[in-house]
């Protein structure tokens, strides 16, 4: 029995070393372009093309200040933050009750409604652009971020409802029955029983939708416009330019402002998202 055990240990060790090596190689493939991106934001065009991976001669913040000045990135960042946070809150306010109802439904109607939500994955985003433009103009909300706040949750509902519904279905019905026997209403059951257990699923929905909302460009460009005071940072960045051509150092400096919130949100929510993935793998 000793030989098979030793062989299994050797195989596990080789597998662990191989997987660790592949993970480090993949991490290097991600880190090197990011380091190039950060270093280039402190250089001018000559420094970027002559010595791409070399450190800058000086860590001057002029590219950042010039990017903020030229593209008015301060208001643009504020507009993106307001739009994203408001859309995330509205998405959860709509998706949580819908998911709770679908998770508790046992009849055919519940399956039909869930299937209708799933159909949202089949609609390309650009296909609804022109009708959305007409709707915004008809409502008098064209060139305002208010309409974008109302639109983004509609695009996120299919994914949010499907994820939260499947997560809520893993919660034992005995917990709900015990709470109901204690006199809890349906709202109290959702708020006190389901929501605390669904934190990893909620974090997953928040993270995925944050990436989508924060990086939204097409609808923000068409509905808000590139030259309005309510434009988002994704729309403001392409306006960075100089008379002699594109200043890539300044452009990369401005783009860093879009990456920092993504990194911050991911750092906060990554552990909860990992719990959701591990939980789904175990229960699956």
Protein backbone atom coordinates (compact mmCIF):
# COMPACT_ATOMS: atom_id res chain seq x y z
CA UNK A 1 0.00 0.00 0.00
CA UNK A 2 2.98 2.31 0.42
CA UNK A 3 3.81 2.54 -3.29
CA UNK A 4 0.35 3.72 -4.46
CA UNK A 5 0.28 6.26 -1.63
CA UNK A 6 3.70 7.58 -2.57
CA UNK A 7 2.68 7.70 -6.21
CA UNK A 8 -0.46 9.69 -5.40
CA UNK A 9 1.54 12.14 -3.31
CA UNK A 10 4.08 12.58 -6.12
CA UNK A 11 1.30 13.14 -8.64
CA UNK A 12 -0.41 15.69 -6.38
CA UNK A 13 2.89 17.49 -5.84
CA UNK A 14 3.59 17.66 -9.57
CA UNK A 15 0.05 18.91 -10.18
CA UNK A 16 0.42 21.56 -7.49
CA UNK A 17 3.75 22.78 -8.89
CA UNK A 18 2.37 22.83 -12.44
CA UNK A 19 -0.77 24.73 -11.51
CA UNK A 20 1.23 27.20 -9.41
CA UNK A 21 3.65 27.82 -12.26
CA UNK A 22 0.82 28.40 -14.73
CA UNK A 23 -0.88 30.78 -12.27
CA UNK A 24 2.32 32.83 -11.84
CA UNK A 25 2.86 32.99 -15.60
CA UNK A 26 -0.71 34.18 -16.08
CA UNK A 27 -0.26 36.77 -13.32
CA UNK A 28 2.91 38.05 -15.04
CA UNK A 29 1.03 38.35 -18.33
CA UNK A 30 -1.47 40.61 -16.55
CA UNK A 31 0.97 42.59 -14.42
CA UNK A 32 3.47 43.50 -17.17
CA UNK A 33 0.93 45.39 -19.36
CA UNK A 34 -0.49 47.10 -16.29
CA UNK A 35 2.98 48.24 -15.17
CA UNK A 36 3.63 49.51 -18.71
CA UNK A 37 0.35 51.40 -18.52
CA UNK A 38 1.16 53.03 -15.17
CA UNK A 39 4.74 53.91 -16.09
CA UNK A 40 3.66 55.38 -19.43
CA UNK A 41 1.24 57.74 -17.70
CA UNK A 42 4.27 59.63 -16.32
CA UNK A 43 6.03 59.97 -19.69
CA UNK A 44 5.68 61.93 -22.89
CA UNK A 45 5.29 60.32 -26.31
CA UNK A 46 9.03 60.12 -26.93
CA UNK A 47 9.66 58.34 -23.65
CA UNK A 48 6.83 55.88 -24.28
CA UNK A 49 8.03 54.78 -27.72
CA UNK A 50 11.79 54.95 -27.13
CA UNK A 51 11.91 53.05 -23.81
CA UNK A 52 8.49 51.46 -23.18
CA UNK A 53 9.35 49.50 -20.03
CA UNK A 54 11.89 51.89 -18.51
CA UNK A 55 10.98 53.96 -15.49
CA UNK A 56 10.20 57.62 -16.17
CA UNK A 57 12.94 60.19 -15.71
CA UNK A 58 10.73 61.98 -13.17
CA UNK A 59 7.45 61.07 -11.50
CA UNK A 60 5.80 64.25 -12.70
CA UNK A 61 2.02 64.54 -12.25
CA UNK A 62 1.61 67.01 -15.12
CA UNK A 63 -0.10 64.39 -17.31
CA UNK A 64 -2.73 63.83 -14.63
CA UNK A 65 -3.38 67.50 -14.00
CA UNK A 66 -3.52 68.24 -17.71
CA UNK A 67 -5.95 65.35 -18.28
CA UNK A 68 -8.21 66.63 -15.52
CA UNK A 69 -8.09 70.14 -16.96
CA UNK A 70 -8.61 69.31 -20.63
CA UNK A 71 -11.41 66.75 -20.25
CA UNK A 72 -12.98 68.15 -17.05
CA UNK A 73 -12.52 64.75 -15.46
CA UNK A 74 -13.61 65.93 -12.01
CA UNK A 75 -17.28 66.44 -12.94
CA UNK A 76 -17.12 63.42 -15.27
CA UNK A 77 -15.97 61.14 -12.44
CA UNK A 78 -18.72 62.53 -10.19
CA UNK A 79 -21.32 61.88 -12.91
CA UNK A 80 -20.08 58.31 -13.41
CA UNK A 81 -20.12 57.67 -9.66
CA UNK A 82 -23.66 59.06 -9.22
CA UNK A 83 -24.98 57.16 -12.23
CA UNK A 84 -23.33 53.88 -11.24
CA UNK A 85 -24.32 53.96 -7.57
CA UNK A 86 -27.92 54.99 -8.32
CA UNK A 87 -28.25 52.29 -10.98
CA UNK A 88 -26.82 49.63 -8.66
CA UNK A 89 -29.23 50.54 -5.87
CA UNK A 90 -32.19 50.52 -8.25
CA UNK A 91 -31.08 47.16 -9.67
CA UNK A 92 -31.04 45.56 -6.22
CA UNK A 93 -34.36 47.17 -5.22
CA UNK A 94 -35.98 45.57 -8.28
CA UNK A 95 -34.05 42.29 -8.51
CA UNK A 96 -34.20 41.14 -4.88
CA UNK A 97 -38.02 40.99 -4.53
CA UNK A 98 -38.34 39.46 -8.01
CA UNK A 99 -35.74 36.80 -7.23
CA UNK A 100 -37.33 36.08 -3.86
CA UNK A 101 -40.72 35.54 -5.49
CA UNK A 102 -39.29 33.32 -8.24
CA UNK A 103 -37.25 31.26 -5.77
CA UNK A 104 -40.38 30.55 -3.70
CA UNK A 105 -42.63 29.91 -6.70
CA UNK A 106 -43.45 26.27 -7.38
CA UNK A 107 -45.98 26.54 -10.19
CA UNK A 108 -45.69 26.82 -13.96
CA UNK A 109 -46.16 30.59 -13.91
CA UNK A 110 -42.92 31.06 -11.98
CA UNK A 111 -40.96 29.07 -14.54
CA UNK A 112 -42.48 31.09 -17.37
CA UNK A 113 -41.58 34.41 -15.72
CA UNK A 114 -38.05 33.20 -15.05
CA UNK A 115 -37.77 32.16 -18.69
CA UNK A 116 -38.87 35.64 -19.76
CA UNK A 117 -36.10 37.17 -17.68
CA UNK A 118 -33.62 34.78 -19.31
CA UNK A 119 -34.69 36.00 -22.75
CA UNK A 120 -33.02 39.31 -21.89
CA UNK A 121 -29.66 37.66 -22.63
CA UNK A 122 -30.68 37.25 -26.27
CA UNK A 123 -31.17 40.99 -26.96
CA UNK A 124 -28.01 42.70 -28.27
CA UNK A 125 -27.42 46.05 -26.60
CA UNK A 126 -27.05 47.96 -29.87
CA UNK A 127 -30.37 46.59 -31.15
CA UNK A 128 -32.29 48.66 -28.60
CA UNK A 129 -30.28 51.83 -29.15
CA UNK A 130 -32.62 53.62 -31.54
CA UNK A 131 -35.86 52.80 -29.63
CA UNK A 132 -34.13 53.88 -26.43
CA UNK A 133 -33.10 57.16 -28.05
CA UNK A 134 -36.72 57.82 -29.10
CA UNK A 135 -37.98 56.94 -25.62
CA UNK A 136 -35.52 59.32 -23.95
CA UNK A 137 -36.52 62.12 -26.32
CA UNK A 138 -40.23 61.41 -25.80
CA UNK A 139 -39.85 61.51 -22.01
CA UNK A 140 -37.91 64.77 -22.13
CA UNK A 141 -34.88 63.13 -20.51
CA UNK A 142 -32.50 63.33 -23.45
CA UNK A 143 -29.01 64.60 -22.52
CA UNK A 144 -29.58 63.80 -18.85
CA UNK A 145 -28.07 61.14 -16.65
CA UNK A 146 -31.51 60.48 -15.12
CA UNK A 147 -32.59 58.39 -18.09
CA UNK A 148 -29.31 56.46 -18.00
CA UNK A 149 -29.93 55.66 -14.33
CA UNK A 150 -33.34 54.25 -15.28
CA UNK A 151 -32.01 52.38 -18.30
CA UNK A 152 -29.00 50.59 -16.83
CA UNK A 153 -30.98 48.52 -14.27
CA UNK A 154 -33.25 47.34 -17.09
CA UNK A 155 -30.24 45.97 -18.94
CA UNK A 156 -28.91 44.32 -15.77
CA UNK A 157 -32.14 42.69 -14.56
CA UNK A 158 -31.78 39.39 -16.50
CA UNK A 159 -28.35 38.61 -15.04
CA UNK A 160 -29.21 39.86 -11.55
CA UNK A 161 -32.49 37.95 -11.32
CA UNK A 162 -31.03 34.69 -12.64
CA UNK A 163 -28.05 34.77 -10.26
CA UNK A 164 -30.04 35.77 -7.18
CA UNK A 165 -32.88 33.33 -7.92
CA UNK A 166 -30.53 30.38 -8.22
CA UNK A 167 -28.73 31.45 -5.06
CA UNK A 168 -31.95 31.83 -3.07
CA UNK A 169 -33.09 28.37 -4.13
CA UNK A 170 -30.18 26.85 -2.23
CA UNK A 171 -31.54 28.22 1.07
CA UNK A 172 -33.39 25.49 3.02
CA UNK A 173 -37.15 25.96 3.14
CA UNK A 174 -37.07 24.97 6.80
CA UNK A 175 -35.61 28.36 7.68
CA UNK A 176 -38.49 30.13 5.97
CA UNK A 177 -41.06 27.87 7.59
CA UNK A 178 -39.56 28.46 11.03
CA UNK A 179 -39.67 32.21 10.53
CA UNK A 180 -43.26 32.03 9.27
CA UNK A 181 -44.28 30.03 12.33
CA UNK A 182 -42.85 32.81 14.48
CA UNK A 183 -45.18 35.27 12.77
CA UNK A 184 -42.78 36.77 10.21
CA UNK A 185 -44.31 38.24 7.07
CA UNK A 186 -42.99 37.56 3.58
CA UNK A 187 -41.09 40.86 3.65
CA UNK A 188 -39.52 39.99 7.01
CA UNK A 189 -38.58 36.52 5.75
CA UNK A 190 -36.79 38.03 2.75
CA UNK A 191 -35.07 40.73 4.81
CA UNK A 192 -34.10 38.69 7.89
CA UNK A 193 -33.62 35.18 6.47
CA UNK A 194 -32.77 35.35 2.78
CA UNK A 195 -30.74 38.55 2.50
CA UNK A 196 -28.09 37.74 5.17
CA UNK A 197 -27.46 34.34 3.58
CA UNK A 198 -27.42 35.80 0.06
CA UNK A 199 -24.66 38.34 0.74
CA UNK A 200 -22.16 36.49 -1.51
CA UNK A 201 -24.70 36.39 -4.35
CA UNK A 202 -25.54 40.07 -3.87
CA UNK A 203 -21.83 40.93 -3.91
CA UNK A 204 -21.44 39.02 -7.17
CA UNK A 205 -24.31 40.94 -8.75
CA UNK A 206 -22.93 44.25 -7.49
CA UNK A 207 -19.44 43.56 -8.83
CA UNK A 208 -20.56 42.38 -12.27
CA UNK A 209 -23.01 45.23 -12.68
CA UNK A 210 -20.53 47.79 -11.39
CA UNK A 211 -18.11 46.79 -14.14
CA UNK A 212 -20.88 47.07 -16.71
CA UNK A 213 -22.30 50.38 -15.47
CA UNK A 214 -18.99 52.11 -14.85
CA UNK A 215 -17.60 51.13 -18.28
CA UNK A 216 -20.79 51.94 -20.21
CA UNK A 217 -19.88 54.02 -23.26
CA UNK A 218 -22.33 53.60 -26.16
CA UNK A 219 -25.56 54.54 -24.39
CA UNK A 220 -23.81 57.21 -22.30
CA UNK A 221 -22.45 58.77 -25.49
CA UNK A 222 -25.78 58.74 -27.33
CA UNK A 223 -28.13 59.60 -24.46
CA UNK A 224 -26.01 62.10 -22.54
CA UNK A 225 -23.70 63.36 -25.26
CA UNK A 226 -19.98 64.16 -25.35
CA UNK A 227 -20.27 67.90 -24.77
CA UNK A 228 -22.71 68.15 -21.86
CA UNK A 229 -22.02 68.84 -18.21
CA UNK A 230 -23.50 65.45 -17.27
CA UNK A 231 -21.22 63.29 -19.44
CA UNK A 232 -19.51 60.32 -17.79
CA UNK A 233 -15.80 59.68 -17.59
CA UNK A 234 -15.91 57.06 -20.36
CA UNK A 235 -17.33 59.70 -22.71
CA UNK A 236 -14.97 62.42 -21.49
CA UNK A 237 -11.75 60.45 -22.00
CA UNK A 238 -11.80 60.40 -25.84
CA UNK A 239 -11.89 64.21 -25.82
CA UNK A 240 -8.28 64.29 -24.60
CA UNK A 241 -6.20 65.64 -27.48
CA UNK A 242 -3.52 68.14 -28.37
CA UNK A 243 -2.87 70.13 -31.54
CA UNK A 244 0.10 67.99 -32.62
CA UNK A 245 -1.77 64.69 -32.16
CA UNK A 246 -2.60 62.31 -29.36
CA UNK A 247 -0.67 62.67 -26.12
CA UNK A 248 -0.56 59.01 -25.06
CA UNK A 249 0.93 59.76 -21.66
CA UNK A 250 -1.91 62.11 -20.84
CA UNK A 251 -4.44 59.64 -22.24
CA UNK A 252 -3.10 56.84 -20.07
CA UNK A 253 -3.06 59.13 -17.04
CA UNK A 254 -6.72 59.94 -17.62
CA UNK A 255 -7.57 56.28 -18.13
CA UNK A 256 -6.05 55.42 -14.76
CA UNK A 257 -8.90 57.36 -13.15
CA UNK A 258 -11.30 54.81 -14.65
CA UNK A 259 -9.29 51.83 -13.38
CA UNK A 260 -8.84 52.86 -9.76
CA UNK A 261 -12.56 52.60 -8.78
CA UNK A 262 -12.74 49.18 -10.46
CA UNK A 263 -9.74 47.97 -8.47
CA UNK A 264 -11.17 49.41 -5.24
CA UNK A 265 -14.60 47.82 -5.68
CA UNK A 266 -13.11 44.48 -6.68
CA UNK A 267 -10.83 44.51 -3.64
CA UNK A 268 -13.85 45.05 -1.39
CA UNK A 269 -16.17 42.49 -2.99
CA UNK A 270 -13.78 39.80 -4.23
CA UNK A 271 -13.95 37.70 -1.05
CA UNK A 272 -17.76 37.61 -1.10
CA UNK A 273 -17.72 36.73 -4.80
CA UNK A 274 -15.27 33.90 -4.15
CA UNK A 275 -17.62 32.60 -1.44
CA UNK A 276 -20.48 32.60 -3.95
CA UNK A 277 -18.41 30.68 -6.49
CA UNK A 278 -17.22 28.12 -3.91
CA UNK A 279 -20.73 27.76 -2.51
CA UNK A 280 -22.14 27.15 -5.98
CA UNK A 281 -19.45 24.58 -6.75
CA UNK A 282 -20.09 22.66 -3.50
CA UNK A 283 -23.87 22.68 -3.81
CA UNK A 284 -23.72 21.93 -7.52
